[in-house]
Amino acid sequence: MATKLETFLTSKKIDRRRVISASQKLERLKREDRQIKLAQRKAKKSEEAKQPGAAKPRSGKPVSGATLDKAFAGKPISGPSKTRLLRAINKILEQRKQEPVALKDLFDAPKKKAE
């Protein structure tokens, strides 16, 4: 049985290698990200309060083949991994001049545990 993600990618004719490549380009650390991280480290050393309006740097961790395999198999993956995957797919769709998708369109809703 195919997952929502797999059926979406096959219907839009998006190759998994393209998703990995797009994620690598999106998540790569840039000069601004390194400056943000440096400022955070300096603030931590001097014990200054964090600035609430500070931008959040990229993670520097792209979607891997193993993460994509887990997603295709329907196994649980972490929230940040889902977000990275969504960003990569939306970037590809943007390049093709198609509408971006939401997270719920690619993944099933998490099942609630019985208490």
N, C-alpha and C. Protein backbone atom coordinates (compact mmCIF):
# COMPACT_ATOMS: atom_id res chain seq x y z
N MET A 1 0.83 -1.17 0.00
CA MET A 1 0.00 0.00 0.00
C MET A 1 0.89 1.26 0.00
N ALA A 2 0.64 2.16 -0.90
CA ALA A 2 1.45 3.36 -1.02
C ALA A 2 0.99 4.43 -0.02
N THR A 3 1.93 5.20 0.46
CA THR A 3 1.62 6.26 1.41
C THR A 3 1.16 7.51 0.64
N LYS A 4 0.65 8.48 1.38
CA LYS A 4 0.19 9.72 0.75
C LYS A 4 1.36 10.42 0.04
N LEU A 5 2.51 10.39 0.68
CA LEU A 5 3.68 11.05 0.10
C LEU A 5 4.08 10.39 -1.21
N GLU A 6 4.13 9.08 -1.21
CA GLU A 6 4.55 8.35 -2.41
C GLU A 6 3.57 8.57 -3.56
N THR A 7 2.27 8.51 -3.27
CA THR A 7 1.29 8.72 -4.33
C THR A 7 1.35 10.16 -4.85
N PHE A 8 1.60 11.12 -3.96
CA PHE A 8 1.71 12.51 -4.39
C PHE A 8 2.90 12.69 -5.32
N LEU A 9 4.06 12.14 -4.93
CA LEU A 9 5.26 12.30 -5.75
C LEU A 9 5.11 11.62 -7.11
N THR A 10 4.47 10.46 -7.15
CA THR A 10 4.29 9.79 -8.43
C THR A 10 3.27 10.53 -9.30
N SER A 11 2.23 11.10 -8.68
CA SER A 11 1.23 11.82 -9.47
C SER A 11 1.81 13.12 -10.05
N LYS A 12 2.73 13.76 -9.33
CA LYS A 12 3.36 14.99 -9.81
C LYS A 12 4.64 14.71 -10.61
N LYS A 13 5.00 13.43 -10.73
CA LYS A 13 6.20 12.99 -11.47
C LYS A 13 7.47 13.66 -10.93
N ILE A 14 7.62 13.55 -9.61
CA ILE A 14 8.80 14.09 -8.93
C ILE A 14 9.67 12.91 -8.49
N ASP A 15 10.92 12.94 -8.90
CA ASP A 15 11.85 11.87 -8.56
C ASP A 15 12.42 12.12 -7.16
N ARG A 16 12.66 11.05 -6.42
CA ARG A 16 13.16 11.17 -5.05
C ARG A 16 14.54 11.80 -5.01
N ARG A 17 15.36 11.57 -6.05
CA ARG A 17 16.69 12.18 -6.09
C ARG A 17 16.58 13.70 -6.20
N ARG A 18 15.54 14.16 -6.89
CA ARG A 18 15.31 15.59 -7.04
C ARG A 18 14.93 16.21 -5.69
N VAL A 19 14.17 15.47 -4.90
CA VAL A 19 13.77 15.95 -3.57
C VAL A 19 15.01 16.09 -2.69
N ILE A 20 15.88 15.10 -2.71
CA ILE A 20 17.10 15.13 -1.90
C ILE A 20 17.99 16.28 -2.33
N SER A 21 18.13 16.48 -3.63
CA SER A 21 18.96 17.56 -4.15
C SER A 21 18.40 18.93 -3.77
N ALA A 22 17.11 19.10 -3.89
CA ALA A 22 16.48 20.38 -3.52
C ALA A 22 16.66 20.65 -2.03
N SER A 23 16.54 19.61 -1.22
CA SER A 23 16.69 19.78 0.22
C SER A 23 18.12 20.18 0.57
N GLN A 24 19.09 19.60 -0.11
CA GLN A 24 20.48 19.95 0.15
C GLN A 24 20.75 21.42 -0.17
N LYS A 25 20.16 21.90 -1.25
CA LYS A 25 20.36 23.30 -1.63
C LYS A 25 19.64 24.25 -0.66
N LEU A 26 18.46 23.86 -0.20
CA LEU A 26 17.70 24.72 0.70
C LEU A 26 18.30 24.80 2.10
N GLU A 27 18.76 23.68 2.61
CA GLU A 27 19.20 23.60 4.00
C GLU A 27 20.67 23.93 4.20
N ARG A 28 21.41 24.17 3.12
CA ARG A 28 22.82 24.48 3.24
C ARG A 28 22.99 25.77 4.04
N LEU A 29 23.93 25.76 4.97
CA LEU A 29 24.19 26.96 5.78
C LEU A 29 24.79 28.05 4.92
N LYS A 30 24.31 29.26 5.12
CA LYS A 30 24.81 30.41 4.38
C LYS A 30 25.49 31.35 5.38
N ARG A 31 26.10 32.38 4.86
CA ARG A 31 26.84 33.31 5.70
C ARG A 31 25.96 33.91 6.80
N GLU A 32 24.72 34.26 6.45
CA GLU A 32 23.81 34.86 7.44
C GLU A 32 23.52 33.88 8.58
N ASP A 33 23.37 32.59 8.24
CA ASP A 33 23.09 31.58 9.26
C ASP A 33 24.26 31.44 10.23
N ARG A 34 25.47 31.46 9.68
CA ARG A 34 26.65 31.35 10.53
C ARG A 34 26.79 32.57 11.44
N GLN A 35 26.43 33.75 10.92
CA GLN A 35 26.49 34.96 11.74
C GLN A 35 25.47 34.89 12.88
N ILE A 36 24.29 34.36 12.59
CA ILE A 36 23.26 34.22 13.63
C ILE A 36 23.73 33.27 14.72
N LYS A 37 24.31 32.14 14.31
CA LYS A 37 24.80 31.16 15.29
C LYS A 37 25.95 31.74 16.12
N LEU A 38 26.83 32.52 15.49
CA LEU A 38 27.92 33.15 16.22
C LEU A 38 27.38 34.13 17.26
N ALA A 39 26.40 34.92 16.87
CA ALA A 39 25.80 35.88 17.80
C ALA A 39 25.14 35.16 18.97
N GLN A 40 24.51 34.02 18.70
CA GLN A 40 23.88 33.24 19.77
C GLN A 40 24.92 32.70 20.73
N ARG A 41 26.05 32.22 20.20
CA ARG A 41 27.11 31.70 21.07
C ARG A 41 27.71 32.81 21.93
N LYS A 42 27.92 33.98 21.32
CA LYS A 42 28.48 35.11 22.08
C LYS A 42 27.51 35.56 23.17
N ALA A 43 26.23 35.59 22.86
CA ALA A 43 25.22 35.99 23.85
C ALA A 43 25.16 34.99 24.98
N LYS A 44 25.36 33.71 24.66
CA LYS A 44 25.32 32.67 25.68
C LYS A 44 26.52 32.81 26.63
N LYS A 45 27.70 33.14 26.07
CA LYS A 45 28.89 33.29 26.89
C LYS A 45 28.79 34.50 27.81
N SER A 46 28.25 35.59 27.30
CA SER A 46 28.16 36.79 28.12
C SER A 46 26.88 36.82 28.95
N GLU A 47 26.11 35.77 28.86
CA GLU A 47 24.88 35.58 29.63
C GLU A 47 23.88 36.72 29.43
N GLU A 48 23.81 37.21 28.20
CA GLU A 48 22.82 38.23 27.88
C GLU A 48 21.51 37.53 27.53
N ALA A 49 20.43 38.28 27.67
CA ALA A 49 19.12 37.72 27.33
C ALA A 49 19.02 37.56 25.82
N LYS A 50 18.33 36.52 25.40
CA LYS A 50 18.12 36.29 23.97
C LYS A 50 17.24 37.39 23.40
N GLN A 51 17.52 37.76 22.20
CA GLN A 51 16.69 38.75 21.53
C GLN A 51 15.47 38.06 20.95
N PRO A 52 14.27 38.49 21.32
CA PRO A 52 13.07 37.79 20.86
C PRO A 52 12.84 37.89 19.36
N GLY A 53 13.37 38.92 18.70
CA GLY A 53 13.13 39.11 17.28
C GLY A 53 14.22 38.49 16.41
N ALA A 54 15.14 37.75 17.02
CA ALA A 54 16.25 37.19 16.26
C ALA A 54 15.76 36.12 15.29
N ALA A 55 16.35 36.11 14.11
CA ALA A 55 15.97 35.13 13.10
C ALA A 55 16.53 33.76 13.46
N LYS A 56 15.87 32.73 13.00
CA LYS A 56 16.31 31.37 13.27
C LYS A 56 17.12 30.88 12.07
N PRO A 57 18.32 30.37 12.30
CA PRO A 57 19.14 29.91 11.17
C PRO A 57 18.64 28.59 10.61
N ARG A 58 19.08 28.27 9.41
CA ARG A 58 18.76 26.98 8.81
C ARG A 58 19.43 25.89 9.64
N SER A 59 18.92 24.67 9.50
CA SER A 59 19.46 23.58 10.31
C SER A 59 20.78 23.06 9.77
N GLY A 60 20.96 23.12 8.46
CA GLY A 60 22.16 22.56 7.86
C GLY A 60 22.04 21.06 7.65
N LYS A 61 20.84 20.51 7.92
CA LYS A 61 20.63 19.07 7.79
C LYS A 61 19.59 18.81 6.70
N PRO A 62 20.02 18.38 5.53
CA PRO A 62 19.05 18.10 4.46
C PRO A 62 18.35 16.77 4.67
N VAL A 63 17.32 16.54 3.89
CA VAL A 63 16.60 15.26 3.93
C VAL A 63 17.54 14.19 3.38
N SER A 64 17.65 13.08 4.06
CA SER A 64 18.52 12.00 3.61
C SER A 64 17.71 10.92 2.91
N GLY A 65 18.41 10.04 2.24
CA GLY A 65 17.75 8.92 1.57
C GLY A 65 17.06 8.00 2.56
N ALA A 66 17.66 7.83 3.73
CA ALA A 66 17.07 6.97 4.76
C ALA A 66 15.75 7.56 5.27
N THR A 67 15.72 8.87 5.43
CA THR A 67 14.49 9.54 5.89
C THR A 67 13.40 9.38 4.84
N LEU A 68 13.77 9.51 3.59
CA LEU A 68 12.80 9.36 2.50
C LEU A 68 12.30 7.92 2.43
N ASP A 69 13.18 6.95 2.66
CA ASP A 69 12.76 5.54 2.69
C ASP A 69 11.75 5.29 3.81
N LYS A 70 12.01 5.86 5.00
CA LYS A 70 11.08 5.71 6.12
C LYS A 70 9.72 6.32 5.79
N ALA A 71 9.75 7.49 5.16
CA ALA A 71 8.49 8.16 4.81
C ALA A 71 7.71 7.35 3.79
N PHE A 72 8.40 6.75 2.82
CA PHE A 72 7.73 5.93 1.81
C PHE A 72 7.17 4.65 2.41
N ALA A 73 7.84 4.13 3.45
CA ALA A 73 7.39 2.90 4.08
C ALA A 73 6.26 3.14 5.07
N GLY A 74 5.99 4.40 5.36
CA GLY A 74 4.92 4.72 6.31
C GLY A 74 5.36 4.68 7.75
N LYS A 75 6.66 4.61 7.98
CA LYS A 75 7.19 4.61 9.35
C LYS A 75 7.21 6.04 9.87
N PRO A 76 7.16 6.20 11.19
CA PRO A 76 7.14 7.56 11.74
C PRO A 76 8.49 8.26 11.54
N ILE A 77 8.42 9.55 11.16
CA ILE A 77 9.62 10.38 11.06
C ILE A 77 9.37 11.64 11.89
N SER A 78 10.44 12.30 12.26
CA SER A 78 10.33 13.45 13.16
C SER A 78 9.66 14.64 12.47
N GLY A 79 9.16 15.54 13.27
CA GLY A 79 8.51 16.74 12.76
C GLY A 79 9.43 17.62 11.92
N PRO A 80 10.66 17.89 12.40
CA PRO A 80 11.57 18.69 11.58
C PRO A 80 11.90 18.05 10.23
N SER A 81 11.98 16.72 10.20
CA SER A 81 12.24 16.03 8.94
C SER A 81 11.07 16.19 7.97
N LYS A 82 9.86 16.14 8.51
CA LYS A 82 8.68 16.35 7.68
C LYS A 82 8.68 17.76 7.10
N THR A 83 9.06 18.72 7.92
CA THR A 83 9.08 20.10 7.47
C THR A 83 10.13 20.31 6.39
N ARG A 84 11.32 19.71 6.55
CA ARG A 84 12.36 19.81 5.53
C ARG A 84 11.90 19.19 4.22
N LEU A 85 11.22 18.05 4.33
CA LEU A 85 10.71 17.36 3.15
C LEU A 85 9.65 18.22 2.45
N LEU A 86 8.78 18.83 3.23
CA LEU A 86 7.75 19.71 2.68
C LEU A 86 8.37 20.91 1.97
N ARG A 87 9.39 21.52 2.59
CA ARG A 87 10.05 22.67 1.96
C ARG A 87 10.68 22.30 0.63
N ALA A 88 11.33 21.12 0.57
CA ALA A 88 11.97 20.68 -0.67
C ALA A 88 10.94 20.43 -1.76
N ILE A 89 9.84 19.78 -1.41
CA ILE A 89 8.79 19.50 -2.39
C ILE A 89 8.15 20.79 -2.88
N ASN A 90 7.90 21.72 -1.97
CA ASN A 90 7.31 23.00 -2.37
C ASN A 90 8.25 23.80 -3.26
N LYS A 91 9.55 23.69 -3.03
CA LYS A 91 10.52 24.37 -3.89
C LYS A 91 10.46 23.80 -5.31
N ILE A 92 10.36 22.49 -5.43
CA ILE A 92 10.25 21.86 -6.75
C ILE A 92 8.96 22.28 -7.44
N LEU A 93 7.87 22.29 -6.69
CA LEU A 93 6.59 22.71 -7.27
C LEU A 93 6.64 24.18 -7.69
N GLU A 94 7.32 25.00 -6.91
CA GLU A 94 7.46 26.41 -7.26
C GLU A 94 8.23 26.56 -8.58
N GLN A 95 9.26 25.76 -8.76
CA GLN A 95 10.04 25.81 -10.00
C GLN A 95 9.19 25.39 -11.20
N ARG A 96 8.24 24.51 -10.97
CA ARG A 96 7.34 24.06 -12.04
C ARG A 96 6.11 24.94 -12.17
N LYS A 97 6.07 26.02 -11.41
CA LYS A 97 4.94 26.97 -11.41
C LYS A 97 3.62 26.30 -11.05
N GLN A 98 3.68 25.45 -10.01
CA GLN A 98 2.50 24.78 -9.48
C GLN A 98 2.25 25.28 -8.07
N GLU A 99 1.07 25.01 -7.57
CA GLU A 99 0.68 25.46 -6.24
C GLU A 99 1.43 24.67 -5.15
N PRO A 100 1.86 25.33 -4.07
CA PRO A 100 2.50 24.62 -2.96
C PRO A 100 1.48 23.78 -2.20
N VAL A 101 1.95 22.77 -1.51
CA VAL A 101 1.08 21.88 -0.75
C VAL A 101 1.29 22.10 0.74
N ALA A 102 0.36 21.58 1.52
CA ALA A 102 0.45 21.65 2.98
C ALA A 102 0.96 20.32 3.52
N LEU A 103 1.38 20.35 4.76
CA LEU A 103 1.92 19.15 5.40
C LEU A 103 0.88 18.03 5.47
N LYS A 104 -0.37 18.39 5.71
CA LYS A 104 -1.42 17.38 5.82
C LYS A 104 -1.70 16.68 4.49
N ASP A 105 -1.31 17.32 3.37
CA ASP A 105 -1.50 16.69 2.06
C ASP A 105 -0.49 15.58 1.80
N LEU A 106 0.64 15.61 2.53
CA LEU A 106 1.70 14.64 2.31
C LEU A 106 1.76 13.54 3.36
N PHE A 107 1.32 13.84 4.56
CA PHE A 107 1.43 12.87 5.65
C PHE A 107 0.08 12.66 6.32
N ASP A 108 -0.10 11.46 6.87
CA ASP A 108 -1.31 11.17 7.63
C ASP A 108 -1.23 11.87 8.97
N ALA A 109 -2.40 12.14 9.53
CA ALA A 109 -2.43 12.76 10.84
C ALA A 109 -1.92 11.77 11.89
N PRO A 110 -1.21 12.26 12.90
CA PRO A 110 -0.70 11.34 13.92
C PRO A 110 -1.83 10.69 14.69
N LYS A 111 -1.67 9.41 14.96
CA LYS A 111 -2.71 8.68 15.69
C LYS A 111 -2.58 8.96 17.18
N LYS A 112 -3.69 9.21 17.81
CA LYS A 112 -3.69 9.48 19.25
C LYS A 112 -3.63 8.16 20.00
N LYS A 113 -2.84 8.16 21.04
CA LYS A 113 -2.70 6.96 21.86
C LYS A 113 -3.89 6.83 22.79
N ALA A 114 -4.33 5.59 22.95
CA ALA A 114 -5.45 5.33 23.89
C ALA A 114 -4.90 5.38 25.31
N GLU A 115 -5.63 6.06 26.16
CA GLU A 115 -5.15 6.18 27.56
C GLU A 115 -5.91 5.23 28.45
